[in-house]
N, C-alpha and C. Protein backbone atom coordinates (compact mmCIF):
# COMPACT_ATOMS: atom_id res chain seq x y z
N MET A 1 -21.40 13.41 28.58
CA MET A 1 -21.68 12.13 27.95
C MET A 1 -20.48 11.78 27.07
N SER A 2 -19.85 10.66 27.32
CA SER A 2 -18.66 10.24 26.60
C SER A 2 -18.90 8.87 25.97
N ARG A 3 -18.30 8.67 24.82
CA ARG A 3 -18.51 7.41 24.12
C ARG A 3 -17.29 7.11 23.24
N GLU A 4 -16.96 5.83 23.12
CA GLU A 4 -15.84 5.39 22.29
C GLU A 4 -16.25 5.39 20.81
N VAL A 5 -15.31 5.70 19.93
CA VAL A 5 -15.55 5.60 18.50
C VAL A 5 -15.75 4.14 18.14
N LEU A 6 -16.81 3.84 17.40
CA LEU A 6 -17.10 2.47 17.01
C LEU A 6 -17.11 2.26 15.50
N SER A 7 -17.12 3.35 14.73
CA SER A 7 -17.20 3.26 13.27
C SER A 7 -16.05 4.01 12.61
N PHE A 8 -15.57 3.43 11.53
CA PHE A 8 -14.45 4.02 10.80
C PHE A 8 -14.72 3.97 9.31
N ILE A 9 -14.24 4.98 8.61
CA ILE A 9 -14.26 4.99 7.14
C ILE A 9 -12.83 4.73 6.70
N ILE A 10 -12.66 3.81 5.77
CA ILE A 10 -11.36 3.46 5.24
C ILE A 10 -11.24 4.05 3.84
N VAL A 11 -10.21 4.87 3.63
CA VAL A 11 -9.95 5.44 2.31
C VAL A 11 -8.63 4.84 1.82
N PRO A 12 -8.69 4.07 0.74
CA PRO A 12 -7.49 3.39 0.24
C PRO A 12 -6.57 4.35 -0.52
N PRO A 13 -5.34 3.90 -0.75
CA PRO A 13 -4.44 4.69 -1.59
C PRO A 13 -5.05 4.86 -2.98
N PHE A 14 -4.85 6.00 -3.57
CA PHE A 14 -5.46 6.34 -4.86
C PHE A 14 -5.15 5.29 -5.93
N GLU A 15 -3.93 4.83 -5.97
CA GLU A 15 -3.53 3.89 -7.02
C GLU A 15 -4.17 2.51 -6.85
N GLN A 16 -4.70 2.21 -5.67
CA GLN A 16 -5.33 0.90 -5.44
C GLN A 16 -6.85 0.98 -5.46
N ARG A 17 -7.40 2.10 -5.88
CA ARG A 17 -8.84 2.32 -5.79
C ARG A 17 -9.66 1.27 -6.54
N ALA A 18 -9.25 0.85 -7.72
CA ALA A 18 -10.02 -0.13 -8.48
C ALA A 18 -10.00 -1.49 -7.79
N ALA A 19 -8.83 -1.92 -7.33
CA ALA A 19 -8.72 -3.21 -6.66
C ALA A 19 -9.50 -3.22 -5.34
N VAL A 20 -9.46 -2.12 -4.61
CA VAL A 20 -10.18 -2.04 -3.35
C VAL A 20 -11.69 -2.02 -3.60
N ALA A 21 -12.12 -1.30 -4.63
CA ALA A 21 -13.55 -1.27 -4.96
C ALA A 21 -14.06 -2.67 -5.28
N ALA A 22 -13.25 -3.46 -5.97
CA ALA A 22 -13.64 -4.83 -6.32
C ALA A 22 -13.70 -5.74 -5.10
N ALA A 23 -12.91 -5.43 -4.07
CA ALA A 23 -12.85 -6.26 -2.86
C ALA A 23 -13.48 -5.57 -1.65
N LYS A 24 -14.31 -4.57 -1.89
CA LYS A 24 -14.86 -3.74 -0.81
C LYS A 24 -15.53 -4.56 0.29
N GLU A 25 -16.45 -5.43 -0.05
CA GLU A 25 -17.18 -6.22 0.96
C GLU A 25 -16.25 -7.15 1.72
N ARG A 26 -15.32 -7.78 1.02
CA ARG A 26 -14.36 -8.66 1.69
C ARG A 26 -13.49 -7.88 2.66
N LEU A 27 -13.04 -6.70 2.27
CA LEU A 27 -12.21 -5.88 3.15
C LEU A 27 -12.99 -5.45 4.39
N GLU A 28 -14.22 -5.02 4.21
CA GLU A 28 -15.04 -4.62 5.36
C GLU A 28 -15.27 -5.80 6.31
N ASN A 29 -15.55 -6.98 5.77
CA ASN A 29 -15.73 -8.17 6.60
C ASN A 29 -14.44 -8.57 7.31
N TYR A 30 -13.35 -8.52 6.60
CA TYR A 30 -12.03 -8.84 7.16
C TYR A 30 -11.72 -7.94 8.35
N LEU A 31 -11.95 -6.64 8.20
CA LEU A 31 -11.67 -5.71 9.29
C LEU A 31 -12.61 -5.95 10.47
N SER A 32 -13.86 -6.25 10.21
CA SER A 32 -14.82 -6.53 11.29
C SER A 32 -14.43 -7.77 12.08
N LEU A 33 -13.85 -8.75 11.41
CA LEU A 33 -13.38 -9.95 12.11
C LEU A 33 -12.09 -9.68 12.88
N ARG A 34 -11.22 -8.84 12.33
CA ARG A 34 -9.95 -8.51 13.00
C ARG A 34 -10.16 -7.60 14.21
N PHE A 35 -11.20 -6.75 14.13
CA PHE A 35 -11.47 -5.78 15.18
C PHE A 35 -12.94 -5.88 15.60
N PRO A 36 -13.28 -6.91 16.38
CA PRO A 36 -14.68 -7.11 16.79
C PRO A 36 -15.22 -5.91 17.57
N GLY A 37 -16.48 -5.60 17.32
CA GLY A 37 -17.12 -4.49 18.00
C GLY A 37 -17.04 -3.17 17.25
N TYR A 38 -16.27 -3.16 16.18
CA TYR A 38 -16.14 -1.95 15.36
C TYR A 38 -16.78 -2.17 14.00
N ASP A 39 -17.21 -1.07 13.38
CA ASP A 39 -17.86 -1.11 12.08
C ASP A 39 -16.96 -0.38 11.08
N PHE A 40 -16.81 -0.94 9.88
CA PHE A 40 -15.94 -0.36 8.86
C PHE A 40 -16.68 -0.21 7.54
N LYS A 41 -16.46 0.92 6.89
CA LYS A 41 -16.99 1.17 5.56
C LYS A 41 -15.85 1.69 4.69
N VAL A 42 -15.72 1.12 3.51
CA VAL A 42 -14.74 1.64 2.56
C VAL A 42 -15.35 2.89 1.96
N GLY A 43 -14.64 3.99 2.10
CA GLY A 43 -15.16 5.29 1.69
C GLY A 43 -14.89 5.63 0.25
N PRO A 44 -15.31 6.81 -0.11
CA PRO A 44 -15.08 7.29 -1.48
C PRO A 44 -13.58 7.45 -1.73
N PHE A 45 -13.24 7.36 -2.97
CA PHE A 45 -11.83 7.39 -3.34
C PHE A 45 -11.38 8.83 -3.60
N ALA A 46 -11.21 9.54 -2.53
CA ALA A 46 -10.77 10.93 -2.60
C ALA A 46 -9.32 11.00 -2.13
N PRO A 47 -8.59 11.98 -2.61
CA PRO A 47 -7.20 12.13 -2.16
C PRO A 47 -7.14 12.62 -0.71
N VAL A 48 -7.02 11.67 0.22
CA VAL A 48 -6.94 11.97 1.64
C VAL A 48 -5.64 11.38 2.16
N GLY A 49 -4.91 12.12 2.98
CA GLY A 49 -3.66 11.60 3.53
C GLY A 49 -2.61 11.50 2.45
N ASN A 50 -1.74 10.49 2.57
CA ASN A 50 -0.71 10.33 1.54
C ASN A 50 -1.20 9.34 0.50
N ASP A 51 -0.52 9.27 -0.62
CA ASP A 51 -0.94 8.40 -1.72
C ASP A 51 -0.51 6.96 -1.54
N GLU A 52 0.31 6.66 -0.53
CA GLU A 52 0.88 5.34 -0.39
C GLU A 52 0.18 4.46 0.64
N GLY A 53 -0.51 5.04 1.59
CA GLY A 53 -1.11 4.26 2.66
C GLY A 53 -2.60 4.46 2.77
N TYR A 54 -3.22 3.57 3.53
CA TYR A 54 -4.64 3.68 3.80
C TYR A 54 -4.87 4.78 4.83
N CYS A 55 -5.95 5.50 4.68
CA CYS A 55 -6.34 6.53 5.64
C CYS A 55 -7.53 6.00 6.43
N VAL A 56 -7.42 6.03 7.75
CA VAL A 56 -8.47 5.53 8.64
C VAL A 56 -9.13 6.74 9.30
N LEU A 57 -10.39 6.97 8.99
CA LEU A 57 -11.12 8.14 9.50
C LEU A 57 -12.17 7.70 10.52
N PRO A 58 -12.00 8.07 11.79
CA PRO A 58 -13.00 7.70 12.79
C PRO A 58 -14.26 8.57 12.66
N ILE A 59 -15.42 7.96 12.86
CA ILE A 59 -16.68 8.70 12.90
C ILE A 59 -16.82 9.18 14.34
N MET A 60 -16.64 10.48 14.54
CA MET A 60 -16.49 11.02 15.89
C MET A 60 -17.79 11.52 16.53
N ASN A 61 -18.86 11.64 15.77
CA ASN A 61 -20.09 12.18 16.39
C ASN A 61 -21.16 11.10 16.55
N PHE A 62 -22.05 11.33 17.50
CA PHE A 62 -23.20 10.46 17.70
C PHE A 62 -24.33 11.27 18.29
N VAL A 63 -25.54 10.77 18.14
CA VAL A 63 -26.73 11.43 18.68
C VAL A 63 -27.10 10.74 19.99
N GLY A 64 -27.19 11.52 21.05
CA GLY A 64 -27.53 10.98 22.36
C GLY A 64 -29.02 10.72 22.50
N ASP A 65 -29.40 10.16 23.64
CA ASP A 65 -30.81 9.86 23.91
C ASP A 65 -31.67 11.13 23.93
N ASP A 66 -31.03 12.27 24.20
CA ASP A 66 -31.75 13.53 24.25
C ASP A 66 -31.89 14.20 22.88
N GLY A 67 -31.38 13.52 21.82
CA GLY A 67 -31.49 14.06 20.47
C GLY A 67 -30.39 15.04 20.10
N LYS A 68 -29.49 15.33 21.02
CA LYS A 68 -28.40 16.26 20.75
C LYS A 68 -27.19 15.50 20.20
N SER A 69 -26.38 16.20 19.43
CA SER A 69 -25.17 15.62 18.85
C SER A 69 -24.00 15.78 19.81
N TYR A 70 -23.22 14.71 19.96
CA TYR A 70 -22.06 14.71 20.85
C TYR A 70 -20.84 14.17 20.10
N MET A 71 -19.67 14.47 20.64
CA MET A 71 -18.42 13.97 20.08
C MET A 71 -17.94 12.77 20.89
N CYS A 72 -17.43 11.77 20.18
CA CYS A 72 -16.84 10.60 20.83
C CYS A 72 -15.44 10.95 21.33
N GLU A 73 -14.92 10.08 22.20
CA GLU A 73 -13.54 10.22 22.62
C GLU A 73 -12.65 9.89 21.43
N GLN A 74 -11.55 10.61 21.31
CA GLN A 74 -10.62 10.35 20.22
C GLN A 74 -10.01 8.97 20.38
N PRO A 75 -9.98 8.16 19.31
CA PRO A 75 -9.40 6.82 19.43
C PRO A 75 -7.88 6.91 19.58
N ALA A 76 -7.31 5.89 20.18
CA ALA A 76 -5.86 5.85 20.37
C ALA A 76 -5.16 5.75 19.01
N ARG A 77 -4.02 6.39 18.91
CA ARG A 77 -3.25 6.35 17.66
C ARG A 77 -2.85 4.93 17.29
N TRP A 78 -2.54 4.12 18.31
CA TRP A 78 -2.13 2.74 18.00
C TRP A 78 -3.25 1.97 17.35
N LEU A 79 -4.52 2.24 17.72
CA LEU A 79 -5.65 1.57 17.10
C LEU A 79 -5.77 1.96 15.63
N LEU A 80 -5.67 3.25 15.35
CA LEU A 80 -5.73 3.72 13.96
C LEU A 80 -4.61 3.10 13.13
N GLN A 81 -3.41 3.02 13.71
CA GLN A 81 -2.28 2.42 13.00
C GLN A 81 -2.48 0.92 12.80
N ASP A 82 -3.02 0.24 13.80
CA ASP A 82 -3.30 -1.19 13.66
C ASP A 82 -4.31 -1.46 12.54
N ILE A 83 -5.32 -0.61 12.45
CA ILE A 83 -6.33 -0.75 11.38
C ILE A 83 -5.69 -0.51 10.02
N ALA A 84 -4.87 0.54 9.92
CA ALA A 84 -4.18 0.84 8.65
C ALA A 84 -3.25 -0.31 8.26
N ASN A 85 -2.54 -0.88 9.23
CA ASN A 85 -1.65 -2.01 8.96
C ASN A 85 -2.44 -3.23 8.49
N ALA A 86 -3.60 -3.47 9.10
CA ALA A 86 -4.45 -4.59 8.69
C ALA A 86 -4.95 -4.39 7.26
N CYS A 87 -5.28 -3.17 6.91
CA CYS A 87 -5.70 -2.87 5.53
C CYS A 87 -4.56 -3.16 4.56
N GLN A 88 -3.37 -2.75 4.92
CA GLN A 88 -2.20 -2.94 4.07
C GLN A 88 -1.91 -4.44 3.89
N ALA A 89 -2.13 -5.23 4.93
CA ALA A 89 -1.86 -6.67 4.88
C ALA A 89 -2.95 -7.45 4.14
N PHE A 90 -4.12 -6.85 3.94
CA PHE A 90 -5.23 -7.53 3.29
C PHE A 90 -4.87 -7.88 1.85
N ASP A 91 -5.20 -9.09 1.45
CA ASP A 91 -4.93 -9.56 0.09
C ASP A 91 -6.10 -9.18 -0.82
N LEU A 92 -5.91 -8.14 -1.61
CA LEU A 92 -6.97 -7.65 -2.48
C LEU A 92 -7.38 -8.66 -3.55
N SER A 93 -6.45 -9.53 -3.94
CA SER A 93 -6.76 -10.51 -4.98
C SER A 93 -7.49 -11.73 -4.43
N GLY A 94 -7.52 -11.88 -3.10
CA GLY A 94 -8.24 -12.98 -2.48
C GLY A 94 -7.52 -14.32 -2.54
N ARG A 95 -6.22 -14.31 -2.77
CA ARG A 95 -5.48 -15.56 -2.91
C ARG A 95 -5.01 -16.14 -1.59
N ARG A 96 -4.79 -15.30 -0.56
CA ARG A 96 -4.35 -15.82 0.73
C ARG A 96 -5.57 -16.26 1.53
N SER A 97 -5.47 -17.34 2.22
CA SER A 97 -6.63 -17.92 2.90
C SER A 97 -7.20 -17.03 4.00
N TYR A 98 -6.38 -16.22 4.66
CA TYR A 98 -6.90 -15.40 5.74
C TYR A 98 -7.58 -14.14 5.26
N ALA A 99 -7.62 -13.92 3.96
CA ALA A 99 -8.20 -12.69 3.43
C ALA A 99 -9.72 -12.72 3.36
N ALA A 100 -10.34 -13.83 3.67
CA ALA A 100 -11.80 -13.99 3.71
C ALA A 100 -12.39 -13.96 2.33
């Protein structure tokens, strides 16, 4: 049983944690509009990855119809990078019109 990753947790750079927390819902909506069919949640502000960029964590497991846990197919690196780039381009202050 194989399945594509559909959900991601976004962990922002540590230094931007307050600004991201204030814009959490807007960022999640922005990403959902940029990447239809995927679900995004801004995660806890833990030191993950490097301190300068967003970390995109795919939710890799799912429960099948038989009640057993399975692993999703690993997402393409270009998709993870595209999501990270979209996070970086997001206007946390809400001043640019495309920032939602």
